[in-house]
PDB file of N, CA and C in Angstrom:
ATOM      1  N   MET A   1      29.853  11.398  18.662  1.00  0.00           N
ATOM      2  CA  MET A   1      29.342   9.729  18.666  1.00  0.00           C
ATOM      3  C   MET A   1      28.250   8.962  18.551  1.00  0.00           C
ATOM      4  N   GLU A   2      28.000   8.376  17.430  1.00  0.00           N
ATOM      5  CA  GLU A   2      26.922   7.387  17.060  1.00  0.00           C
ATOM      6  C   GLU A   2      26.015   6.742  18.113  1.00  0.00           C
ATOM      7  N   ALA A   3      24.904   7.202  18.054  1.00  0.00           N
ATOM      8  CA  ALA A   3      23.941   6.002  18.634  1.00  0.00           C
ATOM      9  C   ALA A   3      23.699   4.943  18.368  1.00  0.00           C
ATOM     10  N   SER A   4      24.228   3.597  19.276  1.00  0.00           N
ATOM     11  CA  SER A   4      24.177   2.027  19.251  1.00  0.00           C
ATOM     12  C   SER A   4      22.410   2.246  18.307  1.00  0.00           C
ATOM     13  N   PRO A   5      22.595   0.822  17.506  1.00  0.00           N
ATOM     14  CA  PRO A   5      21.232   0.427  17.353  1.00  0.00           C
ATOM     15  C   PRO A   5      20.173   0.262  18.368  1.00  0.00           C
ATOM     16  N   GLU A   6      20.467   0.153  19.116  1.00  0.00           N
ATOM     17  CA  GLU A   6      19.709  -0.632  19.997  1.00  0.00           C
ATOM     18  C   GLU A   6      18.902   1.069  20.634  1.00  0.00           C
ATOM     19  N   SER A   7      19.607   1.676  20.913  1.00  0.00           N
ATOM     20  CA  SER A   7      19.346   3.151  21.693  1.00  0.00           C
ATOM     21  C   SER A   7      18.350   4.682  20.403  1.00  0.00           C
ATOM     22  N   LYS A   8      18.300   3.671  18.872  1.00  0.00           N
ATOM     23  CA  LYS A   8      18.205   4.608  17.945  1.00  0.00           C
ATOM     24  C   LYS A   8      16.131   3.676  18.150  1.00  0.00           C
ATOM     25  N   PRO A   9      15.215   5.337  17.351  1.00  0.00           N
ATOM     26  CA  PRO A   9      14.300   4.457  17.461  1.00  0.00           C
ATOM     27  C   PRO A   9      13.982   3.926  16.510  1.00  0.00           C
ATOM     28  N   ARG A  10      13.004   2.804  16.813  1.00  0.00           N
ATOM     29  CA  ARG A  10      12.471   1.850  15.436  1.00  0.00           C
ATOM     30  C   ARG A  10      11.156   2.370  14.972  1.00  0.00           C
ATOM     31  N   LEU A  11      11.503   2.547  13.461  1.00  0.00           N
ATOM     32  CA  LEU A  11       9.909   3.008  12.780  1.00  0.00           C
ATOM     33  C   LEU A  11       9.636   2.009  11.696  1.00  0.00           C
ATOM     34  N   LEU A  12       8.477   1.771  11.818  1.00  0.00           N
ATOM     35  CA  LEU A  12       7.867   0.676  10.960  1.00  0.00           C
ATOM     36  C   LEU A  12       7.023   1.955   9.709  1.00  0.00           C
ATOM     37  N   TYR A  13       7.527   1.973   8.341  1.00  0.00           N
ATOM     38  CA  TYR A  13       7.063   2.670   7.681  1.00  0.00           C
ATOM     39  C   TYR A  13       6.019   1.797   6.152  1.00  0.00           C
ATOM     40  N   VAL A  14       4.940   2.021   6.623  1.00  0.00           N
ATOM     41  CA  VAL A  14       4.111   1.741   5.634  1.00  0.00           C
ATOM     42  C   VAL A  14       3.591   2.167   4.083  1.00  0.00           C
ATOM     43  N   GLU A  15       4.149   1.629   3.145  1.00  0.00           N
ATOM     44  CA  GLU A  15       4.382   2.429   1.747  1.00  0.00           C
ATOM     45  C   GLU A  15       3.797   1.470   0.522  1.00  0.00           C
ATOM     46  N   TYR A  16       2.740   1.608  -0.581  1.00  0.00           N
ATOM     47  CA  TYR A  16       2.401   1.119  -1.497  1.00  0.00           C
ATOM     48  C   TYR A  16       3.523   1.240  -2.412  1.00  0.00           C
ATOM     49  N   ASP A  17       4.059   2.260  -2.566  1.00  0.00           N
ATOM     50  CA  ASP A  17       4.727   2.497  -3.713  1.00  0.00           C
ATOM     51  C   ASP A  17       6.051   2.056  -3.384  1.00  0.00           C
ATOM     52  N   PRO A  18       6.610   1.274  -4.188  1.00  0.00           N
ATOM     53  CA  PRO A  18       8.001   0.437  -3.845  1.00  0.00           C
ATOM     54  C   PRO A  18       9.356   2.018  -3.919  1.00  0.00           C
ATOM     55  N   ILE A  19       9.277   2.455  -4.862  1.00  0.00           N
ATOM     56  CA  ILE A  19      10.037   3.711  -4.718  1.00  0.00           C
ATOM     57  C   ILE A  19      10.238   4.855  -3.841  1.00  0.00           C
ATOM     58  N   ILE A  20       8.629   5.074  -3.753  1.00  0.00           N
ATOM     59  CA  ILE A  20       8.666   6.292  -2.557  1.00  0.00           C
ATOM     60  C   ILE A  20       9.285   5.307  -1.145  1.00  0.00           C
ATOM     61  N   ALA A  21       9.212   4.572  -0.995  1.00  0.00           N
ATOM     62  CA  ALA A  21       9.279   3.388  -0.064  1.00  0.00           C
ATOM     63  C   ALA A  21      10.770   3.710   0.020  1.00  0.00           C
ATOM     64  N   GLY A  22      11.592   3.521  -1.035  1.00  0.00           N
ATOM     65  CA  GLY A  22      13.097   3.278  -0.648  1.00  0.00           C
ATOM     66  C   GLY A  22      13.619   4.781  -0.434  1.00  0.00           C
ATOM     67  N   MET A  23      12.926   5.597  -0.905  1.00  0.00           N
ATOM     68  CA  MET A  23      13.526   7.659  -0.459  1.00  0.00           C
ATOM     69  C   MET A  23      13.364   7.244   0.695  1.00  0.00           C
ATOM     70  N   ARG A  24      11.911   7.475   1.040  1.00  0.00           N
ATOM     71  CA  ARG A  24      11.447   7.570   2.683  1.00  0.00           C
ATOM     72  C   ARG A  24      12.464   6.678   3.415  1.00  0.00           C
ATOM     73  N   HIS A  25      13.081   5.761   3.260  1.00  0.00           N
ATOM     74  CA  HIS A  25      13.815   4.803   3.920  1.00  0.00           C
ATOM     75  C   HIS A  25      15.293   5.543   3.898  1.00  0.00           C
ATOM     76  N   ALA A  26      15.465   6.268   3.021  1.00  0.00           N
ATOM     77  CA  ALA A  26      16.781   6.296   3.343  1.00  0.00           C
ATOM     78  C   ALA A  26      16.848   7.766   3.763  1.00  0.00           C
ATOM     79  N   ILE A  27      15.754   8.349   3.694  1.00  0.00           N
ATOM     80  CA  ILE A  27      15.453   9.924   4.514  1.00  0.00           C
ATOM     81  C   ILE A  27      15.472   9.403   6.288  1.00  0.00           C
ATOM     82  N   LEU A  28      14.863   8.599   6.443  1.00  0.00           N
ATOM     83  CA  LEU A  28      14.897   8.320   7.260  1.00  0.00           C
ATOM     84  C   LEU A  28      15.982   7.581   8.460  1.00  0.00           C
ATOM     85  N   VAL A  29      16.507   6.913   7.318  1.00  0.00           N
ATOM     86  CA  VAL A  29      17.696   5.920   8.423  1.00  0.00           C
ATOM     87  C   VAL A  29      19.141   7.309   8.322  1.00  0.00           C
ATOM     88  N   ALA A  30      19.231   7.953   7.556  1.00  0.00           N
ATOM     89  CA  ALA A  30      19.784   9.134   7.669  1.00  0.00           C
ATOM     90  C   ALA A  30      19.700  10.289   8.508  1.00  0.00           C
ATOM     91  N   ALA A  31      18.604  10.159   9.117  1.00  0.00           N
ATOM     92  CA  ALA A  31      18.341  10.852   9.929  1.00  0.00           C
ATOM     93  C   ALA A  31      17.726  10.303  11.500  1.00  0.00           C
ATOM     94  N   GLY A  32      18.907   9.175  11.585  1.00  0.00           N
ATOM     95  CA  GLY A  32      19.264   8.227  12.496  1.00  0.00           C
ATOM     96  C   GLY A  32      18.516   7.510  13.373  1.00  0.00           C
ATOM     97  N   TYR A  33      17.221   7.052  12.360  1.00  0.00           N
ATOM     98  CA  TYR A  33      16.432   6.146  12.749  1.00  0.00           C
ATOM     99  C   TYR A  33      16.439   4.803  12.369  1.00  0.00           C
ATOM    100  N   MET A  34      16.229   3.861  12.760  1.00  0.00           N
ATOM    101  CA  MET A  34      15.971   1.906  12.590  1.00  0.00           C
ATOM    102  C   MET A  34      14.929   1.978  11.794  1.00  0.00           C
ATOM    103  N   VAL A  35      14.693   1.092  10.174  1.00  0.00           N
ATOM    104  CA  VAL A  35      13.579   1.726   9.708  1.00  0.00           C
ATOM    105  C   VAL A  35      13.291   0.760   9.268  1.00  0.00           C
ATOM    106  N   GLY A  36      12.006  -0.258   9.156  1.00  0.00           N
ATOM    107  CA  GLY A  36      11.191  -1.595   8.661  1.00  0.00           C
ATOM    108  C   GLY A  36      10.440  -0.799   7.759  1.00  0.00           C
ATOM    109  N   VAL A  37      10.407  -1.054   6.367  1.00  0.00           N
ATOM    110  CA  VAL A  37       9.406  -0.796   5.560  1.00  0.00           C
ATOM    111  C   VAL A  37       8.370  -1.977   4.789  1.00  0.00           C
ATOM    112  N   VAL A  38       7.608  -1.908   4.875  1.00  0.00           N
ATOM    113  CA  VAL A  38       6.521  -2.915   4.373  1.00  0.00           C
ATOM    114  C   VAL A  38       5.564  -1.977   3.117  1.00  0.00           C
ATOM    115  N   LEU A  39       5.650  -3.093   2.170  1.00  0.00           N
ATOM    116  CA  LEU A  39       4.697  -2.735   0.521  1.00  0.00           C
ATOM    117  C   LEU A  39       3.146  -2.896   1.012  1.00  0.00           C
ATOM    118  N   SER A  40       2.874  -3.484   2.198  1.00  0.00           N
ATOM    119  CA  SER A  40       1.275  -3.696   2.027  1.00  0.00           C
ATOM    120  C   SER A  40       1.156  -4.049   3.902  1.00  0.00           C
ATOM    121  N   ALA A  41      -0.650  -3.804   3.869  1.00  0.00           N
ATOM    122  CA  ALA A  41      -0.728  -3.665   5.143  1.00  0.00           C
ATOM    123  C   ALA A  41      -0.418  -5.140   5.873  1.00  0.00           C
ATOM    124  N   GLN A  42      -0.649  -6.481   4.881  1.00  0.00           N
ATOM    125  CA  GLN A  42      -0.681  -7.684   5.784  1.00  0.00           C
ATOM    126  C   GLN A  42       0.566  -7.989   6.340  1.00  0.00           C
ATOM    127  N   GLN A  43       1.299  -7.151   5.651  1.00  0.00           N
ATOM    128  CA  GLN A  43       3.265  -7.140   6.055  1.00  0.00           C
ATOM    129  C   GLN A  43       3.535  -6.280   7.650  1.00  0.00           C
ATOM    130  N   ALA A  44       2.467  -5.444   7.355  1.00  0.00           N
ATOM    131  CA  ALA A  44       2.382  -4.305   8.637  1.00  0.00           C
ATOM    132  C   ALA A  44       2.264  -5.238   9.425  1.00  0.00           C
ATOM    133  N   LEU A  45       0.937  -5.281   9.208  1.00  0.00           N
ATOM    134  CA  LEU A  45       0.420  -6.570  10.768  1.00  0.00           C
ATOM    135  C   LEU A  45       1.421  -7.566  11.206  1.00  0.00           C
ATOM    136  N   ASN A  46       1.593  -8.445  10.000  1.00  0.00           N
ATOM    137  CA  ASN A  46       2.424  -9.385  10.686  1.00  0.00           C
ATOM    138  C   ASN A  46       3.863  -8.505  11.259  1.00  0.00           C
ATOM    139  N   LEU A  47       4.059  -7.738  10.594  1.00  0.00           N
ATOM    140  CA  LEU A  47       5.829  -7.285  11.789  1.00  0.00           C
ATOM    141  C   LEU A  47       5.103  -6.892  12.932  1.00  0.00           C
ATOM    142  N   VAL A  48       4.254  -6.380  12.973  1.00  0.00           N
ATOM    143  CA  VAL A  48       3.708  -5.179  14.611  1.00  0.00           C
ATOM    144  C   VAL A  48       3.615  -6.657  15.217  1.00  0.00           C
ATOM    145  N   GLY A  49       3.128  -7.453  15.031  1.00  0.00           N
ATOM    146  CA  GLY A  49       2.765  -8.824  15.864  1.00  0.00           C
ATOM    147  C   GLY A  49       4.551  -9.397  16.229  1.00  0.00           C
ATOM    148  N   SER A  50       4.811  -9.557  15.570  1.00  0.00           N
ATOM    149  CA  SER A  50       6.698 -10.058  15.498  1.00  0.00           C
ATOM    150  C   SER A  50       7.740  -8.975  16.039  1.00  0.00           C
ATOM    151  N   GLU A  51       7.668  -7.463  16.380  1.00  0.00           N
ATOM    152  CA  GLU A  51       8.531  -6.678  16.287  1.00  0.00           C
ATOM    153  C   GLU A  51       8.218  -5.578  17.253  1.00  0.00           C
ATOM    154  N   ALA A  52       9.187  -4.920  17.980  1.00  0.00           N
ATOM    155  CA  ALA A  52       8.566  -4.003  18.554  1.00  0.00           C
ATOM    156  C   ALA A  52       9.028  -2.582  17.595  1.00  0.00           C
ATOM    157  N   PHE A  53       8.071  -1.616  17.431  1.00  0.00           N
ATOM    158  CA  PHE A  53       8.676  -0.291  16.985  1.00  0.00           C
ATOM    159  C   PHE A  53       7.534   0.820  17.884  1.00  0.00           C
ATOM    160  N   ASP A  54       8.761   1.651  17.614  1.00  0.00           N
ATOM    161  CA  ASP A  54       8.267   3.055  18.334  1.00  0.00           C
ATOM    162  C   ASP A  54       7.319   3.824  17.694  1.00  0.00           C
ATOM    163  N   LEU A  55       6.904   3.869  16.274  1.00  0.00           N
ATOM    164  CA  LEU A  55       6.191   3.946  15.622  1.00  0.00           C
ATOM    165  C   LEU A  55       5.684   3.501  14.277  1.00  0.00           C
ATOM    166  N   VAL A  56       4.265   3.699  13.852  1.00  0.00           N
ATOM    167  CA  VAL A  56       4.230   3.109  12.560  1.00  0.00           C
ATOM    168  C   VAL A  56       4.244   4.616  11.735  1.00  0.00           C
ATOM    169  N   ILE A  57       4.278   4.348  10.688  1.00  0.00           N
ATOM    170  CA  ILE A  57       4.056   5.550   9.347  1.00  0.00           C
ATOM    171  C   ILE A  57       3.289   4.812   8.706  1.00  0.00           C
ATOM    172  N   LEU A  58       1.766   5.476   8.148  1.00  0.00           N
ATOM    173  CA  LEU A  58       1.457   4.835   7.054  1.00  0.00           C
ATOM    174  C   LEU A  58       1.529   6.226   6.117  1.00  0.00           C
ATOM    175  N   SER A  59       1.520   5.876   4.859  1.00  0.00           N
ATOM    176  CA  SER A  59       2.019   6.526   3.594  1.00  0.00           C
ATOM    177  C   SER A  59       0.732   7.076   3.254  1.00  0.00           C
ATOM    178  N   HIS A  60       0.634   8.224   2.461  1.00  0.00           N
ATOM    179  CA  HIS A  60      -0.256   8.990   1.779  1.00  0.00           C
ATOM    180  C   HIS A  60      -0.623   8.169   0.734  1.00  0.00           C
ATOM    181  N   THR A  61      -0.053   7.358  -0.277  1.00  0.00           N
ATOM    182  CA  THR A  61      -0.377   6.446  -1.162  1.00  0.00           C
ATOM    183  C   THR A  61      -1.448   5.042  -0.780  1.00  0.00           C
ATOM    184  N   ILE A  62      -1.461   4.910   0.755  1.00  0.00           N
ATOM    185  CA  ILE A  62      -2.325   4.274   0.738  1.00  0.00           C
ATOM    186  C   ILE A  62      -3.866   5.013   0.849  1.00  0.00           C
ATOM    187  N   PRO A  63      -4.897   4.367   0.209  1.00  0.00           N
ATOM    188  CA  PRO A  63      -6.133   5.012   0.299  1.00  0.00           C
ATOM    189  C   PRO A  63      -6.851   5.255   1.446  1.00  0.00           C
ATOM    190  N   LEU A  64      -7.698   6.143   1.808  1.00  0.00           N
ATOM    191  CA  LEU A  64      -7.750   6.890   3.027  1.00  0.00           C
ATOM    192  C   LEU A  64      -9.271   5.621   4.011  1.00  0.00           C
ATOM    193  N   ALA A  65      -9.379   4.960   3.072  1.00  0.00           N
ATOM    194  CA  ALA A  65     -10.266   4.101   4.136  1.00  0.00           C
ATOM    195  C   ALA A  65      -9.621   2.902   4.407  1.00  0.00           C
ATOM    196  N   GLU A  66      -8.113   2.297   3.478  1.00  0.00           N
ATOM    197  CA  GLU A  66      -7.810   1.306   4.103  1.00  0.00           C
ATOM    198  C   GLU A  66      -6.990   2.062   5.527  1.00  0.00           C
ATOM    199  N   LEU A  67      -6.324   3.125   5.217  1.00  0.00           N
ATOM    200  CA  LEU A  67      -5.133   3.587   6.217  1.00  0.00           C
ATOM    201  C   LEU A  67      -5.884   3.498   7.602  1.00  0.00           C
ATOM    202  N   ASN A  68      -7.911   3.855   7.524  1.00  0.00           N
ATOM    203  CA  ASN A  68      -8.337   3.605   8.988  1.00  0.00           C
ATOM    204  C   ASN A  68      -8.619   2.096   9.420  1.00  0.00           C
ATOM    205  N   GLN A  69      -8.595   1.316   8.483  1.00  0.00           N
ATOM    206  CA  GLN A  69      -8.541  -0.007   9.113  1.00  0.00           C
ATOM    207  C   GLN A  69      -7.135  -0.720   8.814  1.00  0.00           C
ATOM    208  N   ILE A  70      -6.180  -0.180   8.831  1.00  0.00           N
ATOM    209  CA  ILE A  70      -4.912  -0.627   8.841  1.00  0.00           C
ATOM    210  C   ILE A  70      -4.707  -0.204  10.991  1.00  0.00           C
ATOM    211  N   ALA A  71      -5.157   1.403  10.787  1.00  0.00           N
ATOM    212  CA  ALA A  71      -4.808   1.743  12.098  1.00  0.00           C
ATOM    213  C   ALA A  71      -5.484   0.626  13.375  1.00  0.00           C
ATOM    214  N   ILE A  72      -6.461   0.891  12.494  1.00  0.00           N
ATOM    215  CA  ILE A  72      -7.791  -0.362  13.871  1.00  0.00           C
ATOM    216  C   ILE A  72      -7.308  -1.413  13.826  1.00  0.00           C
ATOM    217  N   HIS A  73      -6.600  -2.282  12.736  1.00  0.00           N
ATOM    218  CA  HIS A  73      -6.016  -3.461  13.110  1.00  0.00           C
ATOM    219  C   HIS A  73      -4.696  -3.669  14.270  1.00  0.00           C
ATOM    220  N   LEU A  74      -3.839  -2.524  13.632  1.00  0.00           N
ATOM    221  CA  LEU A  74      -2.905  -1.885  14.472  1.00  0.00           C
ATOM    222  C   LEU A  74      -2.974  -1.860  15.593  1.00  0.00           C
ATOM    223  N   ARG A  75      -4.087  -1.201  16.363  1.00  0.00           N
ATOM    224  CA  ARG A  75      -4.205  -0.649  17.853  1.00  0.00           C
ATOM    225  C   ARG A  75      -4.871  -1.896  18.500  1.00  0.00           C
ATOM    226  N   ALA A  76      -5.459  -2.778  17.601  1.00  0.00           N
ATOM    227  CA  ALA A  76      -5.249  -4.258  18.324  1.00  0.00           C
ATOM    228  C   ALA A  76      -4.458  -5.149  18.893  1.00  0.00           C
ATOM    229  N   ARG A  77      -3.679  -5.248  18.109  1.00  0.00           N
ATOM    230  CA  ARG A  77      -2.572  -5.572  18.468  1.00  0.00           C
ATOM    231  C   ARG A  77      -1.488  -5.204  19.258  1.00  0.00           C
ATOM    232  N   ARG A  78      -1.660  -3.802  19.022  1.00  0.00           N
ATOM    233  CA  ARG A  78      -0.380  -3.198  20.652  1.00  0.00           C
ATOM    234  C   ARG A  78      -1.435  -1.814  20.344  1.00  0.00           C
ATOM    235  N   SER A  79      -2.238  -1.768  21.613  1.00  0.00           N
ATOM    236  CA  SER A  79      -3.413  -0.588  21.797  1.00  0.00           C
ATOM    237  C   SER A  79      -2.218   0.847  22.334  1.00  0.00           C
ATOM    238  N   ASN A  80      -1.263   0.824  22.388  1.00  0.00           N
ATOM    239  CA  ASN A  80      -0.307   2.087  23.050  1.00  0.00           C
ATOM    240  C   ASN A  80       0.416   2.708  21.869  1.00  0.00           C
ATOM    241  N   LEU A  81       0.765   1.816  20.429  1.00  0.00           N
ATOM    242  CA  LEU A  81       1.572   1.981  19.526  1.00  0.00           C
ATOM    243  C   LEU A  81       1.009   2.822  18.808  1.00  0.00           C
ATOM    244  N   PRO A  82       1.690   4.083  18.547  1.00  0.00           N
ATOM    245  CA  PRO A  82       2.013   5.034  18.161  1.00  0.00           C
ATOM    246  C   PRO A  82       1.589   5.133  16.406  1.00  0.00           C
ATOM    247  N   ILE A  83       0.473   6.073  15.996  1.00  0.00           N
ATOM    248  CA  ILE A  83       0.664   5.455  13.829  1.00  0.00           C
ATOM    249  C   ILE A  83       0.592   7.302  13.614  1.00  0.00           C
ATOM    250  N   LEU A  84       1.247   7.159  12.590  1.00  0.00           N
ATOM    251  CA  LEU A  84       1.167   8.599  11.966  1.00  0.00           C
ATOM    252  C   LEU A  84       0.487   8.267  10.754  1.00  0.00           C
ATOM    253  N   MET A  85      -0.601   8.991  10.846  1.00  0.00           N
ATOM    254  CA  MET A  85      -1.036   8.674   9.054  1.00  0.00           C
ATOM    255  C   MET A  85      -1.108   9.870   8.304  1.00  0.00           C
ATOM    256  N   ILE A  86      -0.450   9.777   7.012  1.00  0.00           N
ATOM    257  CA  ILE A  86      -0.434  10.902   5.842  1.00  0.00           C
ATOM    258  C   ILE A  86      -1.223  10.629   4.929  1.00  0.00           C
ATOM    259  N   ALA A  87      -2.349  11.224   4.756  1.00  0.00           N
ATOM    260  CA  ALA A  87      -3.408  11.470   4.170  1.00  0.00           C
ATOM    261  C   ALA A  87      -3.204  12.685   2.990  1.00  0.00           C
ATOM    262  N   ASN A  88      -3.317  12.964   1.874  1.00  0.00           N
ATOM    263  CA  ASN A  88      -3.251  13.862   1.103  1.00  0.00           C
ATOM    264  C   ASN A  88      -1.944  15.235   1.735  1.00  0.00           C
ATOM    265  N   GLY A  89      -1.199  14.864   1.812  1.00  0.00           N
ATOM    266  CA  GLY A  89       0.052  15.792   2.499  1.00  0.00           C
ATOM    267  C   GLY A  89      -0.181  16.022   4.076  1.00  0.00           C
ATOM    268  N   GLN A  90      -0.871  15.548   4.620  1.00  0.00           N
ATOM    269  CA  GLN A  90      -1.562  16.308   5.826  1.00  0.00           C
ATOM    270  C   GLN A  90      -1.025  15.075   6.688  1.00  0.00           C
ATOM    271  N   ALA A  91      -0.839  15.487   7.919  1.00  0.00           N
ATOM    272  CA  ALA A  91      -0.300  13.650   8.809  1.00  0.00           C
ATOM    273  C   ALA A  91      -1.081  14.327  10.243  1.00  0.00           C
ATOM    274  N   THR A  92      -1.340  13.052  10.643  1.00  0.00           N
ATOM    275  CA  THR A  92      -2.172  13.279  11.552  1.00  0.00           C
ATOM    276  C   THR A  92      -2.075  11.872  12.297  1.00  0.00           C
ATOM    277  N   HIS A  93      -1.284  12.251  13.794  1.00  0.00           N
ATOM    278  CA  HIS A  93      -1.166  11.288  14.656  1.00  0.00           C
ATOM    279  C   HIS A  93      -2.097  10.901  15.580  1.00  0.00           C
ATOM    280  N   THR A  94      -2.201   9.442  15.643  1.00  0.00           N
ATOM    281  CA  THR A  94      -3.161   8.991  16.885  1.00  0.00           C
ATOM    282  C   THR A  94      -2.815   8.026  17.852  1.00  0.00           C
TER     283      THR A  94
END
């Protein structure tokens, strides 16, 4: 029995490379997640301000300084939102 869309975890994947974004989206959906993909920091901030997500994933293609700034702004909007930052192939959870 497949989980209903309401019961699937909602992820927001922030990726600056549209090709990687498409591949990661397909992988995460196949793994059973509902996934929103955005290609900019501003899109991520707008979406987090208007929709509920269980986790935000920030891709390794985003420069490290921008990763930190995006995380700070996301926390300002939702202080309890889990953020997974992937930098240089290593994941950091905040």
